Amino acid sequence: MFTALYTAHSGISSAQYQKYYGRLSASERSAKLWIARRGRYYGRFQLDVSYLHGDYSVANQEHTADRYVKGRYGSWTAAKRFWMAHNWY
């Protein structure tokens, strides 16, 4: 039952769930899921999920990343320079 509920809300298949969680003890599985629920960053550009407004599509991630970088740094090259200096952007 838990597997079906988790996969319905997480976007992973039952087979993926079994692969990544099936061999863990209940306490290890619980700890892994607890940590995963605290993640704020998502996808290719590691955007704060609040920026995506529930739309996790590739198109929205690209559009949001472009808007974020333009607003914060002015350009992707400036964002890269910042990352090189600070190890984040």
Protein backbone atom coordinates (compact mmCIF):
# COMPACT_ATOMS: atom_id res chain seq x y z
CA MET A 1 0.00 0.00 0.00
CA PHE A 2 2.74 2.49 0.96
CA THR A 3 4.62 1.80 -2.29
CA ALA A 4 1.54 2.61 -4.36
CA LEU A 5 0.88 5.82 -2.44
CA TYR A 6 4.51 6.92 -2.65
CA THR A 7 4.89 6.23 -6.34
CA ALA A 8 1.62 8.02 -7.11
CA HIS A 9 2.90 11.22 -5.49
CA SER A 10 6.62 11.04 -6.27
CA GLY A 11 6.52 10.41 -10.00
CA ILE A 12 8.66 7.26 -9.83
CA SER A 13 7.44 3.87 -10.96
CA SER A 14 6.95 0.85 -8.71
CA ALA A 15 10.00 -0.75 -10.33
CA GLN A 16 12.11 2.32 -9.57
CA TYR A 17 10.80 2.35 -6.01
CA GLN A 18 11.82 -1.28 -5.56
CA LYS A 19 15.24 -0.58 -7.06
CA TYR A 20 16.03 2.41 -4.84
CA TYR A 21 14.07 1.61 -1.68
CA GLY A 22 13.22 -2.10 -1.74
CA ARG A 23 16.45 -3.33 -0.15
CA LEU A 24 16.55 -0.74 2.61
CA SER A 25 15.38 -1.48 6.14
CA ALA A 26 12.27 0.37 7.28
CA SER A 27 14.34 2.85 9.29
CA GLU A 28 16.76 3.49 6.39
CA ARG A 29 13.86 3.92 3.96
CA SER A 30 12.15 6.31 6.37
CA ALA A 31 15.32 8.37 6.78
CA LYS A 32 15.92 8.53 3.02
CA LEU A 33 12.36 9.68 2.35
CA TRP A 34 12.55 12.21 5.19
CA ILE A 35 15.67 13.77 3.63
CA ALA A 36 14.16 13.73 0.13
CA ARG A 37 11.10 15.64 1.33
CA ARG A 38 13.32 18.41 2.65
CA GLY A 39 14.98 19.05 -0.67
CA ARG A 40 14.26 22.51 -2.01
CA TYR A 41 16.13 22.26 -5.27
CA TYR A 42 14.96 20.47 -8.37
CA GLY A 43 16.06 19.47 -11.83
CA ARG A 44 18.81 20.30 -14.23
CA PHE A 45 19.40 23.83 -12.91
CA GLN A 46 18.78 22.96 -9.25
CA LEU A 47 16.07 25.58 -8.91
CA ASP A 48 14.23 26.21 -5.68
CA VAL A 49 10.93 24.36 -6.15
CA SER A 50 9.01 27.50 -5.19
CA TYR A 51 10.21 29.12 -8.44
CA LEU A 52 8.57 26.36 -10.50
CA HIS A 53 5.05 26.88 -9.10
CA GLY A 54 4.26 23.17 -9.34
CA ASP A 55 5.17 22.89 -13.04
CA TYR A 56 8.23 20.62 -13.18
CA SER A 57 8.25 20.27 -16.96
CA VAL A 58 11.52 20.68 -18.84
CA ALA A 59 10.11 23.70 -20.66
CA ASN A 60 9.21 25.45 -17.41
CA GLN A 61 12.59 24.62 -15.86
CA GLU A 62 14.38 26.13 -18.86
CA HIS A 63 12.17 29.23 -18.88
CA THR A 64 12.46 29.70 -15.12
CA ALA A 65 16.24 29.22 -15.15
CA ASP A 66 16.61 31.80 -17.93
CA ARG A 67 14.45 34.28 -16.02
CA TYR A 68 16.29 33.63 -12.74
CA VAL A 69 19.76 34.02 -14.26
CA LYS A 70 18.82 37.16 -16.18
CA GLY A 71 17.31 38.74 -13.07
CA ARG A 72 20.07 37.78 -10.66
CA TYR A 73 23.23 37.85 -12.80
CA GLY A 74 22.30 39.45 -16.10
CA SER A 75 23.68 36.59 -18.20
CA TRP A 76 24.65 32.93 -18.12
CA THR A 77 28.34 33.88 -18.37
CA ALA A 78 28.04 36.11 -15.32
CA ALA A 79 26.27 33.26 -13.49
CA LYS A 80 29.12 30.92 -14.44
CA ARG A 81 31.72 33.41 -13.14
CA PHE A 82 29.81 33.64 -9.86
CA TRP A 83 29.64 29.84 -9.62
CA MET A 84 33.36 29.50 -10.28
CA ALA A 85 34.07 31.92 -7.44
CA HIS A 86 31.50 30.57 -4.94
CA ASN A 87 30.63 26.95 -5.98
CA TRP A 88 26.93 27.83 -6.29
CA TYR A 89 24.71 30.24 -8.14
